[in-house]
PDB file of N, CA and C in Angstrom:
ATOM      1  N   UNK A   1      -0.217  14.175   5.654  1.00  0.00           N
ATOM      2  CA  UNK A   1      -1.721  14.338   4.488  1.00  0.00           C
ATOM      3  C   UNK A   1      -2.225  13.620   4.063  1.00  0.00           C
ATOM      4  N   UNK A   2      -3.756  13.871   3.938  1.00  0.00           N
ATOM      5  CA  UNK A   2      -4.488  12.879   3.682  1.00  0.00           C
ATOM      6  C   UNK A   2      -4.731  12.791   2.273  1.00  0.00           C
ATOM      7  N   UNK A   3      -6.072  12.140   1.856  1.00  0.00           N
ATOM      8  CA  UNK A   3      -6.079  11.510   0.314  1.00  0.00           C
ATOM      9  C   UNK A   3      -6.710  13.089  -0.271  1.00  0.00           C
ATOM     10  N   UNK A   4      -7.749  13.919   0.720  1.00  0.00           N
ATOM     11  CA  UNK A   4      -8.319  15.511   0.062  1.00  0.00           C
ATOM     12  C   UNK A   4      -6.793  15.967  -0.152  1.00  0.00           C
ATOM     13  N   UNK A   5      -5.704  16.108   0.812  1.00  0.00           N
ATOM     14  CA  UNK A   5      -4.825  17.153   0.431  1.00  0.00           C
ATOM     15  C   UNK A   5      -3.553  16.825  -0.380  1.00  0.00           C
ATOM     16  N   UNK A   6      -3.389  15.649  -0.771  1.00  0.00           N
ATOM     17  CA  UNK A   6      -2.860  14.714  -1.763  1.00  0.00           C
ATOM     18  C   UNK A   6      -3.070  15.201  -3.000  1.00  0.00           C
ATOM     19  N   UNK A   7      -4.861  14.652  -3.161  1.00  0.00           N
ATOM     20  CA  UNK A   7      -5.726  15.186  -4.827  1.00  0.00           C
ATOM     21  C   UNK A   7      -4.977  16.911  -5.094  1.00  0.00           C
ATOM     22  N   UNK A   8      -5.460  17.402  -4.123  1.00  0.00           N
ATOM     23  CA  UNK A   8      -5.115  18.998  -4.527  1.00  0.00           C
ATOM     24  C   UNK A   8      -3.504  19.118  -4.607  1.00  0.00           C
ATOM     25  N   UNK A   9      -2.462  18.624  -4.365  1.00  0.00           N
ATOM     26  CA  UNK A   9      -1.602  18.789  -4.442  1.00  0.00           C
ATOM     27  C   UNK A   9      -1.265  17.987  -5.387  1.00  0.00           C
ATOM     28  N   UNK A  10      -1.215  16.789  -5.846  1.00  0.00           N
ATOM     29  CA  UNK A  10      -1.216  16.446  -7.347  1.00  0.00           C
ATOM     30  C   UNK A  10      -2.090  17.409  -8.143  1.00  0.00           C
ATOM     31  N   UNK A  11      -2.756  18.130  -8.422  1.00  0.00           N
ATOM     32  CA  UNK A  11      -3.522  18.747  -9.469  1.00  0.00           C
ATOM     33  C   UNK A  11      -2.934  19.975  -9.743  1.00  0.00           C
ATOM     34  N   UNK A  12      -2.530  20.582  -8.270  1.00  0.00           N
ATOM     35  CA  UNK A  12      -1.755  21.888  -8.650  1.00  0.00           C
ATOM     36  C   UNK A  12       0.099  21.358  -9.249  1.00  0.00           C
ATOM     37  N   UNK A  13       0.429  20.716  -8.789  1.00  0.00           N
ATOM     38  CA  UNK A  13       1.536  19.971  -9.419  1.00  0.00           C
ATOM     39  C   UNK A  13       1.563  19.873 -10.897  1.00  0.00           C
ATOM     40  N   UNK A  14       0.818  19.377 -11.363  1.00  0.00           N
ATOM     41  CA  UNK A  14       0.180  18.617 -12.450  1.00  0.00           C
ATOM     42  C   UNK A  14      -0.689  20.004 -13.596  1.00  0.00           C
ATOM     43  N   UNK A  15      -1.006  21.024 -13.306  1.00  0.00           N
ATOM     44  CA  UNK A  15      -1.809  22.088 -13.430  1.00  0.00           C
ATOM     45  C   UNK A  15      -2.856  21.296 -14.625  1.00  0.00           C
ATOM     46  N   UNK A  16      -3.911  20.442 -13.215  1.00  0.00           N
ATOM     47  CA  UNK A  16      -5.309  19.743 -13.478  1.00  0.00           C
ATOM     48  C   UNK A  16      -5.970  20.034 -13.018  1.00  0.00           C
ATOM     49  N   UNK A  17      -7.481  19.815 -12.846  1.00  0.00           N
ATOM     50  CA  UNK A  17      -8.352  19.722 -11.857  1.00  0.00           C
ATOM     51  C   UNK A  17      -8.274  18.991 -11.186  1.00  0.00           C
ATOM     52  N   UNK A  18      -8.905  19.280  -9.973  1.00  0.00           N
ATOM     53  CA  UNK A  18      -9.117  18.333  -8.921  1.00  0.00           C
ATOM     54  C   UNK A  18      -9.754  16.930  -8.822  1.00  0.00           C
ATOM     55  N   UNK A  19     -10.834  17.154 -10.016  1.00  0.00           N
ATOM     56  CA  UNK A  19     -11.409  16.271 -10.126  1.00  0.00           C
ATOM     57  C   UNK A  19     -10.962  15.260 -10.947  1.00  0.00           C
ATOM     58  N   UNK A  20      -9.872  15.657 -12.174  1.00  0.00           N
ATOM     59  CA  UNK A  20      -8.709  14.537 -13.081  1.00  0.00           C
ATOM     60  C   UNK A  20      -7.723  14.450 -11.756  1.00  0.00           C
ATOM     61  N   UNK A  21      -7.111  14.958 -11.199  1.00  0.00           N
ATOM     62  CA  UNK A  21      -6.475  14.304  -9.975  1.00  0.00           C
ATOM     63  C   UNK A  21      -7.178  13.321  -9.256  1.00  0.00           C
ATOM     64  N   UNK A  22      -8.113  13.063  -8.881  1.00  0.00           N
ATOM     65  CA  UNK A  22      -9.065  12.190  -8.014  1.00  0.00           C
ATOM     66  C   UNK A  22      -8.953  11.255  -8.534  1.00  0.00           C
ATOM     67  N   UNK A  23      -9.643  11.072  -9.954  1.00  0.00           N
ATOM     68  CA  UNK A  23      -9.623  10.093 -11.021  1.00  0.00           C
ATOM     69  C   UNK A  23      -8.460   9.338 -11.254  1.00  0.00           C
ATOM     70  N   UNK A  24      -7.318  10.446 -11.427  1.00  0.00           N
ATOM     71  CA  UNK A  24      -5.611   9.725 -11.535  1.00  0.00           C
ATOM     72  C   UNK A  24      -5.389   8.763 -10.499  1.00  0.00           C
ATOM     73  N   UNK A  25      -5.689   9.529  -9.253  1.00  0.00           N
ATOM     74  CA  UNK A  25      -4.993   8.837  -7.640  1.00  0.00           C
ATOM     75  C   UNK A  25      -5.613   7.810  -7.542  1.00  0.00           C
ATOM     76  N   UNK A  26      -7.321   7.216  -7.786  1.00  0.00           N
ATOM     77  CA  UNK A  26      -8.270   6.535  -7.585  1.00  0.00           C
ATOM     78  C   UNK A  26      -8.077   5.599  -8.870  1.00  0.00           C
ATOM     79  N   UNK A  27      -7.948   5.909  -9.421  1.00  0.00           N
ATOM     80  CA  UNK A  27      -6.936   4.401 -10.761  1.00  0.00           C
ATOM     81  C   UNK A  27      -6.031   4.176 -10.423  1.00  0.00           C
ATOM     82  N   UNK A  28      -4.929   5.082  -9.634  1.00  0.00           N
ATOM     83  CA  UNK A  28      -3.574   4.250  -9.741  1.00  0.00           C
ATOM     84  C   UNK A  28      -4.057   3.244  -8.148  1.00  0.00           C
ATOM     85  N   UNK A  29      -4.478   3.633  -7.305  1.00  0.00           N
ATOM     86  CA  UNK A  29      -4.559   3.002  -6.250  1.00  0.00           C
ATOM     87  C   UNK A  29      -5.053   1.668  -6.850  1.00  0.00           C
ATOM     88  N   UNK A  30      -6.923   1.552  -7.443  1.00  0.00           N
ATOM     89  CA  UNK A  30      -6.924   0.497  -8.082  1.00  0.00           C
ATOM     90  C   UNK A  30      -6.165  -0.354  -8.530  1.00  0.00           C
ATOM     91  N   UNK A  31      -5.628   0.391  -9.711  1.00  0.00           N
ATOM     92  CA  UNK A  31      -4.352  -0.612 -10.359  1.00  0.00           C
ATOM     93  C   UNK A  31      -3.848  -1.625  -9.419  1.00  0.00           C
ATOM     94  N   UNK A  32      -2.986  -1.035  -8.265  1.00  0.00           N
ATOM     95  CA  UNK A  32      -1.910  -1.400  -7.271  1.00  0.00           C
ATOM     96  C   UNK A  32      -2.618  -2.286  -6.820  1.00  0.00           C
ATOM     97  N   UNK A  33      -3.620  -1.786  -6.001  1.00  0.00           N
ATOM     98  CA  UNK A  33      -4.824  -3.455  -5.287  1.00  0.00           C
ATOM     99  C   UNK A  33      -5.201  -4.536  -6.335  1.00  0.00           C
ATOM    100  N   UNK A  34      -5.160  -4.735  -7.440  1.00  0.00           N
ATOM    101  CA  UNK A  34      -5.733  -5.534  -8.433  1.00  0.00           C
ATOM    102  C   UNK A  34      -4.179  -6.393  -8.858  1.00  0.00           C
ATOM    103  N   UNK A  35      -3.114  -5.936  -8.804  1.00  0.00           N
ATOM    104  CA  UNK A  35      -1.998  -6.542  -9.092  1.00  0.00           C
ATOM    105  C   UNK A  35      -1.423  -7.137  -8.011  1.00  0.00           C
ATOM    106  N   UNK A  36      -1.494  -6.297  -6.979  1.00  0.00           N
ATOM    107  CA  UNK A  36      -1.323  -7.350  -5.249  1.00  0.00           C
ATOM    108  C   UNK A  36      -1.694  -8.451  -5.289  1.00  0.00           C
ATOM    109  N   UNK A  37      -3.577  -8.094  -5.628  1.00  0.00           N
ATOM    110  CA  UNK A  37      -4.291  -9.399  -5.477  1.00  0.00           C
ATOM    111  C   UNK A  37      -3.713 -10.779  -6.089  1.00  0.00           C
ATOM    112  N   UNK A  38      -3.063 -10.347  -7.007  1.00  0.00           N
ATOM    113  CA  UNK A  38      -2.913 -11.047  -7.992  1.00  0.00           C
ATOM    114  C   UNK A  38      -1.658 -11.640  -7.641  1.00  0.00           C
ATOM    115  N   UNK A  39      -0.770 -11.196  -7.082  1.00  0.00           N
ATOM    116  CA  UNK A  39       0.296 -11.901  -6.280  1.00  0.00           C
ATOM    117  C   UNK A  39       1.433 -11.285  -7.348  1.00  0.00           C
ATOM    118  N   UNK A  40       1.022  -9.688  -7.831  1.00  0.00           N
ATOM    119  CA  UNK A  40       2.667  -9.645  -8.680  1.00  0.00           C
ATOM    120  C   UNK A  40       3.080  -8.199  -8.408  1.00  0.00           C
ATOM    121  N   UNK A  41       4.344  -7.908  -8.328  1.00  0.00           N
ATOM    122  CA  UNK A  41       5.140  -7.366  -7.644  1.00  0.00           C
ATOM    123  C   UNK A  41       4.692  -5.808  -8.639  1.00  0.00           C
ATOM    124  N   UNK A  42       5.133  -4.228  -8.301  1.00  0.00           N
ATOM    125  CA  UNK A  42       5.109  -3.568  -8.819  1.00  0.00           C
ATOM    126  C   UNK A  42       6.183  -2.435  -8.415  1.00  0.00           C
ATOM    127  N   UNK A  43       6.871  -2.442  -9.501  1.00  0.00           N
ATOM    128  CA  UNK A  43       8.155  -1.521  -9.221  1.00  0.00           C
ATOM    129  C   UNK A  43       8.058  -0.343  -9.727  1.00  0.00           C
ATOM    130  N   UNK A  44       8.503   0.803  -8.923  1.00  0.00           N
ATOM    131  CA  UNK A  44       8.780   2.228  -9.326  1.00  0.00           C
ATOM    132  C   UNK A  44      10.081   2.530  -9.675  1.00  0.00           C
ATOM    133  N   UNK A  45      11.081   2.845 -10.354  1.00  0.00           N
ATOM    134  CA  UNK A  45      12.442   3.402 -10.078  1.00  0.00           C
ATOM    135  C   UNK A  45      12.104   4.294  -9.734  1.00  0.00           C
ATOM    136  N   UNK A  46      12.830   4.696  -8.807  1.00  0.00           N
ATOM    137  CA  UNK A  46      13.233   5.960  -8.092  1.00  0.00           C
ATOM    138  C   UNK A  46      12.540   6.254  -6.432  1.00  0.00           C
ATOM    139  N   UNK A  47      10.924   5.347  -6.610  1.00  0.00           N
ATOM    140  CA  UNK A  47      10.027   5.875  -5.673  1.00  0.00           C
ATOM    141  C   UNK A  47       9.962   4.330  -4.601  1.00  0.00           C
ATOM    142  N   UNK A  48       9.414   3.134  -4.997  1.00  0.00           N
ATOM    143  CA  UNK A  48       9.568   1.889  -4.529  1.00  0.00           C
ATOM    144  C   UNK A  48       9.324   0.642  -5.062  1.00  0.00           C
ATOM    145  N   UNK A  49       8.944  -0.146  -4.392  1.00  0.00           N
ATOM    146  CA  UNK A  49       8.294  -1.090  -4.910  1.00  0.00           C
ATOM    147  C   UNK A  49       7.203  -1.955  -3.901  1.00  0.00           C
ATOM    148  N   UNK A  50       6.131  -2.160  -4.379  1.00  0.00           N
ATOM    149  CA  UNK A  50       5.013  -3.176  -3.742  1.00  0.00           C
ATOM    150  C   UNK A  50       5.026  -4.628  -4.215  1.00  0.00           C
ATOM    151  N   UNK A  51       5.132  -5.435  -3.383  1.00  0.00           N
ATOM    152  CA  UNK A  51       5.027  -6.500  -3.535  1.00  0.00           C
ATOM    153  C   UNK A  51       3.996  -7.005  -2.130  1.00  0.00           C
ATOM    154  N   UNK A  52       3.455  -8.543  -3.009  1.00  0.00           N
ATOM    155  CA  UNK A  52       3.493  -9.151  -1.516  1.00  0.00           C
ATOM    156  C   UNK A  52       3.699 -10.427  -0.681  1.00  0.00           C
ATOM    157  N   UNK A  53       3.692 -10.735   0.565  1.00  0.00           N
ATOM    158  CA  UNK A  53       4.755 -11.312   1.237  1.00  0.00           C
ATOM    159  C   UNK A  53       3.744 -12.125   1.885  1.00  0.00           C
ATOM    160  N   UNK A  54       4.202 -13.614   1.912  1.00  0.00           N
ATOM    161  CA  UNK A  54       3.482 -14.515   2.988  1.00  0.00           C
ATOM    162  C   UNK A  54       4.181 -14.494   4.399  1.00  0.00           C
ATOM    163  N   UNK A  55       2.823 -14.441   5.072  1.00  0.00           N
ATOM    164  CA  UNK A  55       3.048 -14.124   7.239  1.00  0.00           C
ATOM    165  C   UNK A  55       3.123 -15.812   7.283  1.00  0.00           C
ATOM    166  N   UNK A  56       3.768 -16.755   7.904  1.00  0.00           N
ATOM    167  CA  UNK A  56       3.375 -18.251   8.391  1.00  0.00           C
ATOM    168  C   UNK A  56       2.689 -17.466   9.640  1.00  0.00           C
ATOM    169  N   UNK A  57       2.061 -18.571   9.507  1.00  0.00           N
ATOM    170  CA  UNK A  57       1.503 -19.134  11.054  1.00  0.00           C
ATOM    171  C   UNK A  57       2.384 -19.359  12.275  1.00  0.00           C
ATOM    172  N   UNK A  58       1.549 -18.635  13.314  1.00  0.00           N
ATOM    173  CA  UNK A  58       2.536 -18.268  14.258  1.00  0.00           C
ATOM    174  C   UNK A  58       1.380 -18.564  16.009  1.00  0.00           C
ATOM    175  N   UNK A  59       2.376 -18.403  16.567  1.00  0.00           N
ATOM    176  CA  UNK A  59       1.421 -18.872  17.879  1.00  0.00           C
ATOM    177  C   UNK A  59       1.790 -17.156  18.981  1.00  0.00           C
ATOM    178  N   UNK A  60       0.528 -16.170  19.652  1.00  0.00           N
ATOM    179  CA  UNK A  60       0.702 -14.989  19.822  1.00  0.00           C
ATOM    180  C   UNK A  60       0.049 -15.280  21.251  1.00  0.00           C
ATOM    181  N   UNK A  61      -0.067 -14.404  22.388  1.00  0.00           N
ATOM    182  CA  UNK A  61      -0.205 -14.316  23.089  1.00  0.00           C
ATOM    183  C   UNK A  61      -1.828 -13.098  23.341  1.00  0.00           C
ATOM    184  N   UNK A  62      -2.756 -13.624  23.718  1.00  0.00           N
ATOM    185  CA  UNK A  62      -3.752 -12.747  24.173  1.00  0.00           C
ATOM    186  C   UNK A  62      -3.600 -11.409  25.304  1.00  0.00           C
ATOM    187  N   UNK A  63      -3.523 -10.271  24.751  1.00  0.00           N
ATOM    188  CA  UNK A  63      -3.137  -9.535  25.552  1.00  0.00           C
ATOM    189  C   UNK A  63      -3.886  -9.295  27.141  1.00  0.00           C
ATOM    190  N   UNK A  64      -5.081  -9.582  27.016  1.00  0.00           N
ATOM    191  CA  UNK A  64      -6.152  -9.723  28.498  1.00  0.00           C
ATOM    192  C   UNK A  64      -5.974 -10.779  29.195  1.00  0.00           C
ATOM    193  N   UNK A  65      -6.150 -11.863  28.273  1.00  0.00           N
ATOM    194  CA  UNK A  65      -5.803 -12.786  29.402  1.00  0.00           C
ATOM    195  C   UNK A  65      -4.540 -13.893  29.539  1.00  0.00           C
ATOM    196  N   UNK A  66      -3.962 -13.563  28.877  1.00  0.00           N
ATOM    197  CA  UNK A  66      -2.479 -14.015  28.681  1.00  0.00           C
ATOM    198  C   UNK A  66      -2.244 -15.757  28.346  1.00  0.00           C
ATOM    199  N   UNK A  67      -3.626 -16.023  27.534  1.00  0.00           N
ATOM    200  CA  UNK A  67      -3.521 -16.935  26.884  1.00  0.00           C
ATOM    201  C   UNK A  67      -2.509 -17.542  25.806  1.00  0.00           C
ATOM    202  N   UNK A  68      -1.905 -18.297  25.339  1.00  0.00           N
ATOM    203  CA  UNK A  68      -1.584 -18.609  24.109  1.00  0.00           C
ATOM    204  C   UNK A  68      -2.773 -18.535  23.008  1.00  0.00           C
ATOM    205  N   UNK A  69      -2.381 -17.858  21.789  1.00  0.00           N
ATOM    206  CA  UNK A  69      -3.197 -18.038  20.466  1.00  0.00           C
ATOM    207  C   UNK A  69      -2.691 -18.278  19.468  1.00  0.00           C
ATOM    208  N   UNK A  70      -3.025 -19.048  18.538  1.00  0.00           N
ATOM    209  CA  UNK A  70      -2.869 -19.347  16.847  1.00  0.00           C
ATOM    210  C   UNK A  70      -2.769 -18.226  16.379  1.00  0.00           C
ATOM    211  N   UNK A  71      -2.312 -17.861  15.520  1.00  0.00           N
ATOM    212  CA  UNK A  71      -2.471 -16.689  14.900  1.00  0.00           C
ATOM    213  C   UNK A  71      -2.384 -17.093  13.166  1.00  0.00           C
ATOM    214  N   UNK A  72      -3.399 -17.504  11.932  1.00  0.00           N
ATOM    215  CA  UNK A  72      -3.056 -17.753  11.084  1.00  0.00           C
ATOM    216  C   UNK A  72      -2.225 -16.993  10.482  1.00  0.00           C
ATOM    217  N   UNK A  73      -1.785 -18.296   9.278  1.00  0.00           N
ATOM    218  CA  UNK A  73      -0.688 -17.508   7.985  1.00  0.00           C
ATOM    219  C   UNK A  73      -1.632 -16.573   7.538  1.00  0.00           C
ATOM    220  N   UNK A  74      -1.072 -15.532   6.597  1.00  0.00           N
ATOM    221  CA  UNK A  74      -1.516 -14.705   5.489  1.00  0.00           C
ATOM    222  C   UNK A  74      -1.187 -14.096   4.957  1.00  0.00           C
ATOM    223  N   UNK A  75      -1.269 -12.903   3.469  1.00  0.00           N
ATOM    224  CA  UNK A  75      -0.708 -12.737   2.627  1.00  0.00           C
ATOM    225  C   UNK A  75      -0.776 -11.172   3.598  1.00  0.00           C
ATOM    226  N   UNK A  76       0.326 -10.329   3.228  1.00  0.00           N
ATOM    227  CA  UNK A  76       0.186  -8.832   3.531  1.00  0.00           C
ATOM    228  C   UNK A  76       0.804  -8.158   2.405  1.00  0.00           C
ATOM    229  N   UNK A  77       0.479  -6.607   2.449  1.00  0.00           N
ATOM    230  CA  UNK A  77       1.188  -5.845   1.303  1.00  0.00           C
ATOM    231  C   UNK A  77       2.531  -5.349   1.889  1.00  0.00           C
ATOM    232  N   UNK A  78       3.546  -4.915   1.068  1.00  0.00           N
ATOM    233  CA  UNK A  78       4.476  -4.850   1.473  1.00  0.00           C
ATOM    234  C   UNK A  78       5.122  -3.451   1.095  1.00  0.00           C
ATOM    235  N   UNK A  79       5.853  -2.727   1.188  1.00  0.00           N
ATOM    236  CA  UNK A  79       6.562  -1.437   0.863  1.00  0.00           C
ATOM    237  C   UNK A  79       7.644  -1.301   1.060  1.00  0.00           C
ATOM    238  N   UNK A  80       8.883  -1.282  -0.440  1.00  0.00           N
ATOM    239  CA  UNK A  80      10.285  -0.975  -0.039  1.00  0.00           C
ATOM    240  C   UNK A  80      10.688   0.294  -0.320  1.00  0.00           C
ATOM    241  N   UNK A  81      10.619   1.305   0.281  1.00  0.00           N
ATOM    242  CA  UNK A  81      11.424   2.693  -0.455  1.00  0.00           C
ATOM    243  C   UNK A  81      12.642   2.548  -1.226  1.00  0.00           C
ATOM    244  N   UNK A  82      12.497   3.158  -2.356  1.00  0.00           N
ATOM    245  CA  UNK A  82      13.409   3.194  -3.510  1.00  0.00           C
ATOM    246  C   UNK A  82      14.578   4.396  -2.579  1.00  0.00           C
ATOM    247  N   UNK A  83      15.793   4.096  -3.741  1.00  0.00           N
ATOM    248  CA  UNK A  83      16.946   5.149  -3.101  1.00  0.00           C
ATOM    249  C   UNK A  83      16.581   6.434  -3.265  1.00  0.00           C
ATOM    250  N   UNK A  84      15.933   6.538  -4.149  1.00  0.00           N
ATOM    251  CA  UNK A  84      15.628   8.200  -4.509  1.00  0.00           C
ATOM    252  C   UNK A  84      14.567   8.703  -3.886  1.00  0.00           C
ATOM    253  N   UNK A  85      13.402   8.096  -3.013  1.00  0.00           N
ATOM    254  CA  UNK A  85      12.468   8.633  -2.540  1.00  0.00           C
ATOM    255  C   UNK A  85      12.744   9.288  -0.821  1.00  0.00           C
ATOM    256  N   UNK A  86      14.006   8.751  -0.515  1.00  0.00           N
ATOM    257  CA  UNK A  86      14.093   9.608   0.948  1.00  0.00           C
ATOM    258  C   UNK A  86      15.628  10.411   0.859  1.00  0.00           C
TER     259      UNK A  86
END
């Protein structure tokens, strides 16, 4: 399912227009991005939890040359599914 199909399904389920469903979905995505950028955790009971994890620096291998390279530390988004999701 892509974003357009998700918007159509949301509009049908909530009995709203596709425009309103698109606004709601875009607002949700924006809020999640903002909170994760702040390092906050978002918990939706029955659905799951979005959080930010720190990935430490590590060494890796360039698949083309086989040379060892250093991979910098970074922050990454993580989603853990809730019990009610699946």
